[in-house]
C-alpha cells in the first residue's frame, strides 16, 4: 500500500520549481486587455446579484459586455496578423 505522503514530494517538488517562460509572459501581456474587460464584466454582474438591477446597472453590464467583445475582436485580429519565424 502506497501512502500519499510518499507520492506528494514527487508531485509538488517539480511543479513549484518552474517560472513562466518569456513566451508565456508575452502571451499573458497580449491577453491582458481581455482579462481586464472580463473582470470588469464580472464585477458589474456581481453588483446586480443581490438586488434588482436598475437602469445604471443594466448600462454598466452592457458596456462591460461590449468591452469584452471588443477586446476579443482585437485579440483575434492581432493573432491573425502576427507572423512568426520571420515570415513576411
PDB file of N, CA and C in Angstrom:
ATOM      1  N   UNK A   1       0.840  -1.179   0.000  1.00  0.00           N
ATOM      2  CA  UNK A   1       0.000   0.000   0.000  1.00  0.00           C
ATOM      3  C   UNK A   1       0.885   1.242   0.000  1.00  0.00           C
ATOM      4  N   UNK A   2       0.667   2.118  -0.953  1.00  0.00           N
ATOM      5  CA  UNK A   2       1.439   3.353  -1.036  1.00  0.00           C
ATOM      6  C   UNK A   2       0.730   4.449  -0.263  1.00  0.00           C
ATOM      7  N   UNK A   3       1.515   5.254   0.406  1.00  0.00           N
ATOM      8  CA  UNK A   3       0.924   6.368   1.127  1.00  0.00           C
ATOM      9  C   UNK A   3       0.977   7.615   0.252  1.00  0.00           C
ATOM     10  N   UNK A   4       0.094   8.524   0.522  1.00  0.00           N
ATOM     11  CA  UNK A   4       0.041   9.773  -0.238  1.00  0.00           C
ATOM     12  C   UNK A   4       1.289  10.604   0.032  1.00  0.00           C
ATOM     13  N   UNK A   5       1.783  10.577   1.235  1.00  0.00           N
ATOM     14  CA  UNK A   5       2.961  11.374   1.591  1.00  0.00           C
ATOM     15  C   UNK A   5       4.165  10.980   0.744  1.00  0.00           C
ATOM     16  N   UNK A   6       4.298   9.704   0.414  1.00  0.00           N
ATOM     17  CA  UNK A   6       5.428   9.261  -0.396  1.00  0.00           C
ATOM     18  C   UNK A   6       5.336   9.817  -1.811  1.00  0.00           C
ATOM     19  N   UNK A   7       4.144   9.986  -2.333  1.00  0.00           N
ATOM     20  CA  UNK A   7       3.968  10.498  -3.685  1.00  0.00           C
ATOM     21  C   UNK A   7       3.935  12.021  -3.730  1.00  0.00           C
ATOM     22  N   UNK A   8       3.625  12.634  -2.631  1.00  0.00           N
ATOM     23  CA  UNK A   8       3.445  14.074  -2.615  1.00  0.00           C
ATOM     24  C   UNK A   8       4.732  14.816  -2.918  1.00  0.00           C
ATOM     25  N   UNK A   9       5.849  14.367  -2.441  1.00  0.00           N
ATOM     26  CA  UNK A   9       7.100  15.073  -2.695  1.00  0.00           C
ATOM     27  C   UNK A   9       7.448  15.055  -4.173  1.00  0.00           C
ATOM     28  N   UNK A  10       7.096  13.990  -4.873  1.00  0.00           N
ATOM     29  CA  UNK A  10       7.358  13.919  -6.304  1.00  0.00           C
ATOM     30  C   UNK A  10       6.505  14.903  -7.087  1.00  0.00           C
ATOM     31  N   UNK A  11       5.288  15.092  -6.670  1.00  0.00           N
ATOM     32  CA  UNK A  11       4.377  15.973  -7.392  1.00  0.00           C
ATOM     33  C   UNK A  11       4.696  17.436  -7.123  1.00  0.00           C
ATOM     34  N   UNK A  12       4.831  17.812  -5.882  1.00  0.00           N
ATOM     35  CA  UNK A  12       4.992  19.223  -5.555  1.00  0.00           C
ATOM     36  C   UNK A  12       6.407  19.728  -5.793  1.00  0.00           C
ATOM     37  N   UNK A  13       7.397  18.898  -5.701  1.00  0.00           N
ATOM     38  CA  UNK A  13       8.768  19.368  -5.879  1.00  0.00           C
ATOM     39  C   UNK A  13       9.004  19.855  -7.299  1.00  0.00           C
ATOM     40  N   UNK A  14       8.467  19.176  -8.276  1.00  0.00           N
ATOM     41  CA  UNK A  14       8.698  19.596  -9.653  1.00  0.00           C
ATOM     42  C   UNK A  14       7.738  20.679 -10.100  1.00  0.00           C
ATOM     43  N   UNK A  15       6.521  20.690  -9.589  1.00  0.00           N
ATOM     44  CA  UNK A  15       5.542  21.640 -10.085  1.00  0.00           C
ATOM     45  C   UNK A  15       5.761  23.050  -9.542  1.00  0.00           C
ATOM     46  N   UNK A  16       6.451  23.211  -8.438  1.00  0.00           N
ATOM     47  CA  UNK A  16       6.648  24.539  -7.864  1.00  0.00           C
ATOM     48  C   UNK A  16       7.977  25.175  -8.257  1.00  0.00           C
ATOM     49  N   UNK A  17       8.823  24.452  -8.942  1.00  0.00           N
ATOM     50  CA  UNK A  17      10.139  24.977  -9.278  1.00  0.00           C
ATOM     51  C   UNK A  17      10.171  25.739 -10.594  1.00  0.00           C
ATOM     52  N   UNK A  18       9.079  25.770 -11.339  1.00  0.00           N
ATOM     53  CA  UNK A  18       9.080  26.381 -12.659  1.00  0.00           C
ATOM     54  C   UNK A  18       8.589  27.817 -12.613  1.00  0.00           C
ATOM     55  N   UNK A  19       9.263  28.650 -13.371  1.00  0.00           N
ATOM     56  CA  UNK A  19       8.823  30.022 -13.584  1.00  0.00           C
ATOM     57  C   UNK A  19       8.187  30.079 -14.965  1.00  0.00           C
ATOM     58  N   UNK A  20       7.279  31.026 -15.186  1.00  0.00           N
ATOM     59  CA  UNK A  20       6.714  31.135 -16.530  1.00  0.00           C
ATOM     60  C   UNK A  20       7.794  31.559 -17.521  1.00  0.00           C
ATOM     61  N   UNK A  21       7.709  30.998 -18.703  1.00  0.00           N
ATOM     62  CA  UNK A  21       8.694  31.334 -19.728  1.00  0.00           C
ATOM     63  C   UNK A  21       8.396  32.713 -20.296  1.00  0.00           C
ATOM     64  N   UNK A  22       9.336  33.225 -21.050  1.00  0.00           N
ATOM     65  CA  UNK A  22       9.154  34.542 -21.673  1.00  0.00           C
ATOM     66  C   UNK A  22       7.972  34.512 -22.639  1.00  0.00           C
ATOM     67  N   UNK A  23       7.786  33.415 -23.347  1.00  0.00           N
ATOM     68  CA  UNK A  23       6.665  33.300 -24.281  1.00  0.00           C
ATOM     69  C   UNK A  23       5.325  33.293 -23.535  1.00  0.00           C
ATOM     70  N   UNK A  24       5.281  32.622 -22.387  1.00  0.00           N
ATOM     71  CA  UNK A  24       4.050  32.603 -21.591  1.00  0.00           C
ATOM     72  C   UNK A  24       3.734  33.987 -21.034  1.00  0.00           C
ATOM     73  N   UNK A  25       4.751  34.687 -20.562  1.00  0.00           N
ATOM     74  CA  UNK A  25       4.529  36.046 -20.059  1.00  0.00           C
ATOM     75  C   UNK A  25       4.089  36.982 -21.178  1.00  0.00           C
ATOM     76  N   UNK A  26       4.643  36.804 -22.363  1.00  0.00           N
ATOM     77  CA  UNK A  26       4.241  37.620 -23.505  1.00  0.00           C
ATOM     78  C   UNK A  26       2.788  37.334 -23.889  1.00  0.00           C
ATOM     79  N   UNK A  27       2.389  36.080 -23.830  1.00  0.00           N
ATOM     80  CA  UNK A  27       1.005  35.722 -24.133  1.00  0.00           C
ATOM     81  C   UNK A  27       0.050  36.330 -23.114  1.00  0.00           C
ATOM     82  N   UNK A  28       0.440  36.344 -21.863  1.00  0.00           N
ATOM     83  CA  UNK A  28      -0.388  36.964 -20.826  1.00  0.00           C
ATOM     84  C   UNK A  28      -0.503  38.458 -21.071  1.00  0.00           C
ATOM     85  N   UNK A  29       0.594  39.099 -21.437  1.00  0.00           N
ATOM     86  CA  UNK A  29       0.564  40.532 -21.740  1.00  0.00           C
ATOM     87  C   UNK A  29      -0.352  40.832 -22.919  1.00  0.00           C
ATOM     88  N   UNK A  30      -0.326  39.967 -23.941  1.00  0.00           N
ATOM     89  CA  UNK A  30      -1.194  40.180 -25.097  1.00  0.00           C
ATOM     90  C   UNK A  30      -2.668  40.038 -24.714  1.00  0.00           C
ATOM     91  N   UNK A  31      -2.967  39.137 -23.798  1.00  0.00           N
ATOM     92  CA  UNK A  31      -4.350  38.879 -23.403  1.00  0.00           C
ATOM     93  C   UNK A  31      -4.825  39.767 -22.256  1.00  0.00           C
ATOM     94  N   UNK A  32      -3.965  40.597 -21.702  1.00  0.00           N
ATOM     95  CA  UNK A  32      -4.330  41.393 -20.536  1.00  0.00           C
ATOM     96  C   UNK A  32      -5.524  42.325 -20.774  1.00  0.00           C
ATOM     97  N   UNK A  33      -5.667  42.992 -21.924  1.00  0.00           N
ATOM     98  CA  UNK A  33      -6.879  43.811 -22.108  1.00  0.00           C
ATOM     99  C   UNK A  33      -8.166  42.980 -22.034  1.00  0.00           C
ATOM    100  N   UNK A  34      -8.139  41.777 -22.567  1.00  0.00           N
ATOM    101  CA  UNK A  34      -9.313  40.898 -22.485  1.00  0.00           C
ATOM    102  C   UNK A  34      -9.555  40.465 -21.046  1.00  0.00           C
ATOM    103  N   UNK A  35      -8.507  40.152 -20.331  1.00  0.00           N
ATOM    104  CA  UNK A  35      -8.645  39.734 -18.932  1.00  0.00           C
ATOM    105  C   UNK A  35      -9.261  40.862 -18.103  1.00  0.00           C
ATOM    106  N   UNK A  36      -8.759  42.075 -18.311  1.00  0.00           N
ATOM    107  CA  UNK A  36      -9.310  43.226 -17.564  1.00  0.00           C
ATOM    108  C   UNK A  36     -10.773  43.465 -17.909  1.00  0.00           C
ATOM    109  N   UNK A  37     -11.130  43.344 -19.188  1.00  0.00           N
ATOM    110  CA  UNK A  37     -12.521  43.543 -19.603  1.00  0.00           C
ATOM    111  C   UNK A  37     -13.425  42.476 -18.997  1.00  0.00           C
ATOM    112  N   UNK A  38     -12.950  41.236 -18.952  1.00  0.00           N
ATOM    113  CA  UNK A  38     -13.753  40.170 -18.356  1.00  0.00           C
ATOM    114  C   UNK A  38     -13.925  40.365 -16.856  1.00  0.00           C
ATOM    115  N   UNK A  39     -12.896  40.850 -16.182  1.00  0.00           N
ATOM    116  CA  UNK A  39     -13.010  41.132 -14.748  1.00  0.00           C
ATOM    117  C   UNK A  39     -14.004  42.263 -14.513  1.00  0.00           C
ATOM    118  N   UNK A  40     -13.967  43.279 -15.363  1.00  0.00           N
ATOM    119  CA  UNK A  40     -14.909  44.391 -15.238  1.00  0.00           C
ATOM    120  C   UNK A  40     -16.346  43.909 -15.454  1.00  0.00           C
ATOM    121  N   UNK A  41     -16.546  43.035 -16.431  1.00  0.00           N
ATOM    122  CA  UNK A  41     -17.881  42.473 -16.660  1.00  0.00           C
ATOM    123  C   UNK A  41     -18.337  41.656 -15.457  1.00  0.00           C
ATOM    124  N   UNK A  42     -17.457  40.854 -14.925  1.00  0.00           N
ATOM    125  CA  UNK A  42     -17.794  40.055 -13.755  1.00  0.00           C
ATOM    126  C   UNK A  42     -18.153  40.940 -12.562  1.00  0.00           C
ATOM    127  N   UNK A  43     -17.407  42.011 -12.353  1.00  0.00           N
ATOM    128  CA  UNK A  43     -17.720  42.944 -11.270  1.00  0.00           C
ATOM    129  C   UNK A  43     -19.097  43.564 -11.462  1.00  0.00           C
ATOM    130  N   UNK A  44     -19.416  43.951 -12.692  1.00  0.00           N
ATOM    131  CA  UNK A  44     -20.725  44.546 -12.968  1.00  0.00           C
ATOM    132  C   UNK A  44     -21.837  43.536 -12.733  1.00  0.00           C
ATOM    133  N   UNK A  45     -21.617  42.284 -13.100  1.00  0.00           N
ATOM    134  CA  UNK A  45     -22.634  41.260 -12.880  1.00  0.00           C
ATOM    135  C   UNK A  45     -22.790  40.943 -11.396  1.00  0.00           C
ATOM    136  N   UNK A  46     -21.701  40.940 -10.667  1.00  0.00           N
ATOM    137  CA  UNK A  46     -21.766  40.648  -9.225  1.00  0.00           C
ATOM    138  C   UNK A  46     -22.560  41.722  -8.494  1.00  0.00           C
ATOM    139  N   UNK A  47     -22.415  42.967  -8.924  1.00  0.00           N
ATOM    140  CA  UNK A  47     -23.149  44.050  -8.258  1.00  0.00           C
ATOM    141  C   UNK A  47     -24.658  43.892  -8.389  1.00  0.00           C
ATOM    142  N   UNK A  48     -25.114  43.200  -9.418  1.00  0.00           N
ATOM    143  CA  UNK A  48     -26.554  43.061  -9.624  1.00  0.00           C
ATOM    144  C   UNK A  48     -27.121  41.759  -9.072  1.00  0.00           C
ATOM    145  N   UNK A  49     -26.318  40.959  -8.414  1.00  0.00           N
ATOM    146  CA  UNK A  49     -26.794  39.659  -7.936  1.00  0.00           C
ATOM    147  C   UNK A  49     -27.790  39.803  -6.785  1.00  0.00           C
ATOM    148  N   UNK A  50     -27.473  40.621  -5.812  1.00  0.00           N
ATOM    149  CA  UNK A  50     -28.281  40.647  -4.590  1.00  0.00           C
ATOM    150  C   UNK A  50     -29.327  41.750  -4.559  1.00  0.00           C
ATOM    151  N   UNK A  51     -29.517  42.440  -5.658  1.00  0.00           N
ATOM    152  CA  UNK A  51     -30.545  43.478  -5.693  1.00  0.00           C
ATOM    153  C   UNK A  51     -31.078  43.584  -7.113  1.00  0.00           C
ATOM    154  N   UNK A  52     -32.254  44.135  -7.250  1.00  0.00           N
ATOM    155  CA  UNK A  52     -32.793  44.293  -8.606  1.00  0.00           C
ATOM    156  C   UNK A  52     -31.935  45.291  -9.402  1.00  0.00           C
ATOM    157  N   UNK A  53     -31.724  44.980 -10.649  1.00  0.00           N
ATOM    158  CA  UNK A  53     -30.887  45.843 -11.490  1.00  0.00           C
ATOM    159  C   UNK A  53     -31.674  47.077 -11.896  1.00  0.00           C
ATOM    160  N   UNK A  54     -31.059  48.239 -11.703  1.00  0.00           N
ATOM    161  CA  UNK A  54     -31.674  49.475 -12.167  1.00  0.00           C
ATOM    162  C   UNK A  54     -31.071  49.843 -13.529  1.00  0.00           C
ATOM    163  N   UNK A  55     -31.473  50.959 -14.073  1.00  0.00           N
ATOM    164  CA  UNK A  55     -31.015  51.366 -15.405  1.00  0.00           C
ATOM    165  C   UNK A  55     -29.504  51.528 -15.467  1.00  0.00           C
ATOM    166  N   UNK A  56     -28.915  52.080 -14.423  1.00  0.00           N
ATOM    167  CA  UNK A  56     -27.466  52.273 -14.388  1.00  0.00           C
ATOM    168  C   UNK A  56     -26.732  50.927 -14.390  1.00  0.00           C
ATOM    169  N   UNK A  57     -27.239  49.967 -13.641  1.00  0.00           N
ATOM    170  CA  UNK A  57     -26.635  48.636 -13.610  1.00  0.00           C
ATOM    171  C   UNK A  57     -26.718  47.960 -14.977  1.00  0.00           C
ATOM    172  N   UNK A  58     -27.853  48.100 -15.629  1.00  0.00           N
ATOM    173  CA  UNK A  58     -28.033  47.494 -16.944  1.00  0.00           C
ATOM    174  C   UNK A  58     -27.044  48.099 -17.943  1.00  0.00           C
ATOM    175  N   UNK A  59     -26.885  49.411 -17.894  1.00  0.00           N
ATOM    176  CA  UNK A  59     -25.910  50.075 -18.779  1.00  0.00           C
ATOM    177  C   UNK A  59     -24.501  49.630 -18.472  1.00  0.00           C
ATOM    178  N   UNK A  60     -24.179  49.508 -17.189  1.00  0.00           N
ATOM    179  CA  UNK A  60     -22.830  49.095 -16.785  1.00  0.00           C
ATOM    180  C   UNK A  60     -22.502  47.693 -17.307  1.00  0.00           C
ATOM    181  N   UNK A  61     -23.458  46.768 -17.176  1.00  0.00           N
ATOM    182  CA  UNK A  61     -23.245  45.405 -17.659  1.00  0.00           C
ATOM    183  C   UNK A  61     -23.139  45.399 -19.183  1.00  0.00           C
ATOM    184  N   UNK A  62     -23.995  46.156 -19.856  1.00  0.00           N
ATOM    185  CA  UNK A  62     -23.957  46.196 -21.318  1.00  0.00           C
ATOM    186  C   UNK A  62     -22.642  46.776 -21.826  1.00  0.00           C
ATOM    187  N   UNK A  63     -22.171  47.863 -21.215  1.00  0.00           N
ATOM    188  CA  UNK A  63     -20.895  48.464 -21.619  1.00  0.00           C
ATOM    189  C   UNK A  63     -19.728  47.511 -21.360  1.00  0.00           C
ATOM    190  N   UNK A  64     -19.758  46.851 -20.215  1.00  0.00           N
ATOM    191  CA  UNK A  64     -18.691  45.889 -19.903  1.00  0.00           C
ATOM    192  C   UNK A  64     -18.718  44.715 -20.885  1.00  0.00           C
ATOM    193  N   UNK A  65     -19.909  44.270 -21.247  1.00  0.00           N
ATOM    194  CA  UNK A  65     -20.025  43.191 -22.225  1.00  0.00           C
ATOM    195  C   UNK A  65     -19.494  43.635 -23.583  1.00  0.00           C
ATOM    196  N   UNK A  66     -19.781  44.857 -23.966  1.00  0.00           N
ATOM    197  CA  UNK A  66     -19.256  45.386 -25.232  1.00  0.00           C
ATOM    198  C   UNK A  66     -17.735  45.493 -25.205  1.00  0.00           C
ATOM    199  N   UNK A  67     -17.174  45.844 -24.046  1.00  0.00           N
ATOM    200  CA  UNK A  67     -15.710  45.915 -23.931  1.00  0.00           C
ATOM    201  C   UNK A  67     -15.074  44.530 -24.072  1.00  0.00           C
ATOM    202  N   UNK A  68     -15.739  43.516 -23.509  1.00  0.00           N
ATOM    203  CA  UNK A  68     -15.234  42.145 -23.648  1.00  0.00           C
ATOM    204  C   UNK A  68     -15.246  41.735 -25.115  1.00  0.00           C
ATOM    205  N   UNK A  69     -16.350  42.012 -25.794  1.00  0.00           N
ATOM    206  CA  UNK A  69     -16.436  41.655 -27.210  1.00  0.00           C
ATOM    207  C   UNK A  69     -15.378  42.395 -28.032  1.00  0.00           C
ATOM    208  N   UNK A  70     -15.174  43.671 -27.747  1.00  0.00           N
ATOM    209  CA  UNK A  70     -14.163  44.438 -28.474  1.00  0.00           C
ATOM    210  C   UNK A  70     -12.758  43.923 -28.191  1.00  0.00           C
ATOM    211  N   UNK A  71     -12.492  43.557 -26.948  1.00  0.00           N
ATOM    212  CA  UNK A  71     -11.168  43.032 -26.600  1.00  0.00           C
ATOM    213  C   UNK A  71     -10.939  41.680 -27.271  1.00  0.00           C
ATOM    214  N   UNK A  72     -11.969  40.840 -27.321  1.00  0.00           N
ATOM    215  CA  UNK A  72     -11.845  39.555 -28.015  1.00  0.00           C
ATOM    216  C   UNK A  72     -11.598  39.768 -29.508  1.00  0.00           C
ATOM    217  N   UNK A  73     -12.326  40.718 -30.092  1.00  0.00           N
ATOM    218  CA  UNK A  73     -12.142  41.021 -31.509  1.00  0.00           C
ATOM    219  C   UNK A  73     -10.721  41.489 -31.777  1.00  0.00           C
ATOM    220  N   UNK A  74     -10.234  42.413 -30.959  1.00  0.00           N
ATOM    221  CA  UNK A  74      -8.882  42.935 -31.150  1.00  0.00           C
ATOM    222  C   UNK A  74      -7.832  41.847 -30.986  1.00  0.00           C
ATOM    223  N   UNK A  75      -8.007  40.994 -29.995  1.00  0.00           N
ATOM    224  CA  UNK A  75      -7.058  39.903 -29.764  1.00  0.00           C
ATOM    225  C   UNK A  75      -7.071  38.918 -30.933  1.00  0.00           C
ATOM    226  N   UNK A  76      -8.247  38.615 -31.436  1.00  0.00           N
ATOM    227  CA  UNK A  76      -8.351  37.707 -32.579  1.00  0.00           C
ATOM    228  C   UNK A  76      -7.740  38.323 -33.828  1.00  0.00           C
ATOM    229  N   UNK A  77      -7.994  39.601 -34.057  1.00  0.00           N
ATOM    230  CA  UNK A  77      -7.433  40.263 -35.234  1.00  0.00           C
ATOM    231  C   UNK A  77      -5.916  40.338 -35.152  1.00  0.00           C
ATOM    232  N   UNK A  78      -5.392  40.601 -33.966  1.00  0.00           N
ATOM    233  CA  UNK A  78      -3.936  40.646 -33.804  1.00  0.00           C
ATOM    234  C   UNK A  78      -3.313  39.273 -34.006  1.00  0.00           C
ATOM    235  N   UNK A  79      -3.989  38.233 -33.535  1.00  0.00           N
ATOM    236  CA  UNK A  79      -3.462  36.882 -33.687  1.00  0.00           C
ATOM    237  C   UNK A  79      -3.427  36.476 -35.150  1.00  0.00           C
ATOM    238  N   UNK A  80      -4.361  36.975 -35.943  1.00  0.00           N
ATOM    239  CA  UNK A  80      -4.390  36.635 -37.357  1.00  0.00           C
ATOM    240  C   UNK A  80      -3.346  37.351 -38.171  1.00  0.00           C
ATOM    241  N   UNK A  81      -2.838  38.488 -37.675  1.00  0.00           N
ATOM    242  CA  UNK A  81      -1.866  39.269 -38.449  1.00  0.00           C
ATOM    243  C   UNK A  81      -0.439  39.041 -38.003  1.00  0.00           C
ATOM    244  N   UNK A  82      -0.238  38.392 -36.873  1.00  0.00           N
ATOM    245  CA  UNK A  82       1.130  38.154 -36.404  1.00  0.00           C
ATOM    246  C   UNK A  82       1.747  37.001 -37.167  1.00  0.00           C
ATOM    247  N   UNK A  83       2.997  37.212 -37.607  1.00  0.00           N
ATOM    248  CA  UNK A  83       3.727  36.171 -38.315  1.00  0.00           C
ATOM    249  C   UNK A  83       4.920  35.778 -37.483  1.00  0.00           C
ATOM    250  N   UNK A  84       5.149  34.492 -37.368  1.00  0.00           N
ATOM    251  CA  UNK A  84       6.295  34.016 -36.594  1.00  0.00           C
ATOM    252  C   UNK A  84       7.288  33.379 -37.542  1.00  0.00           C
ATOM    253  N   UNK A  85       8.496  33.262 -37.107  1.00  0.00           N
ATOM    254  CA  UNK A  85       9.520  32.603 -37.880  1.00  0.00           C
ATOM    255  C   UNK A  85      10.074  33.418 -39.029  1.00  0.00           C
ATOM    256  N   UNK A  86       9.912  34.741 -38.967  1.00  0.00           N
ATOM    257  CA  UNK A  86      10.477  35.595 -39.996  1.00  0.00           C
ATOM    258  C   UNK A  86       9.648  35.685 -41.252  1.00  0.00           C
ATOM    259  N   UNK A  87       8.400  35.263 -41.206  1.00  0.00           N
ATOM    260  CA  UNK A  87       7.554  35.332 -42.391  1.00  0.00           C
ATOM    261  C   UNK A  87       7.198  36.777 -42.692  1.00  0.00           C
ATOM    262  N   UNK A  88       7.053  37.089 -43.940  1.00  0.00           N
ATOM    263  CA  UNK A  88       6.752  38.465 -44.354  1.00  0.00           C
ATOM    264  C   UNK A  88       5.273  38.722 -44.403  1.00  0.00           C
TER     265      UNK A  88
END
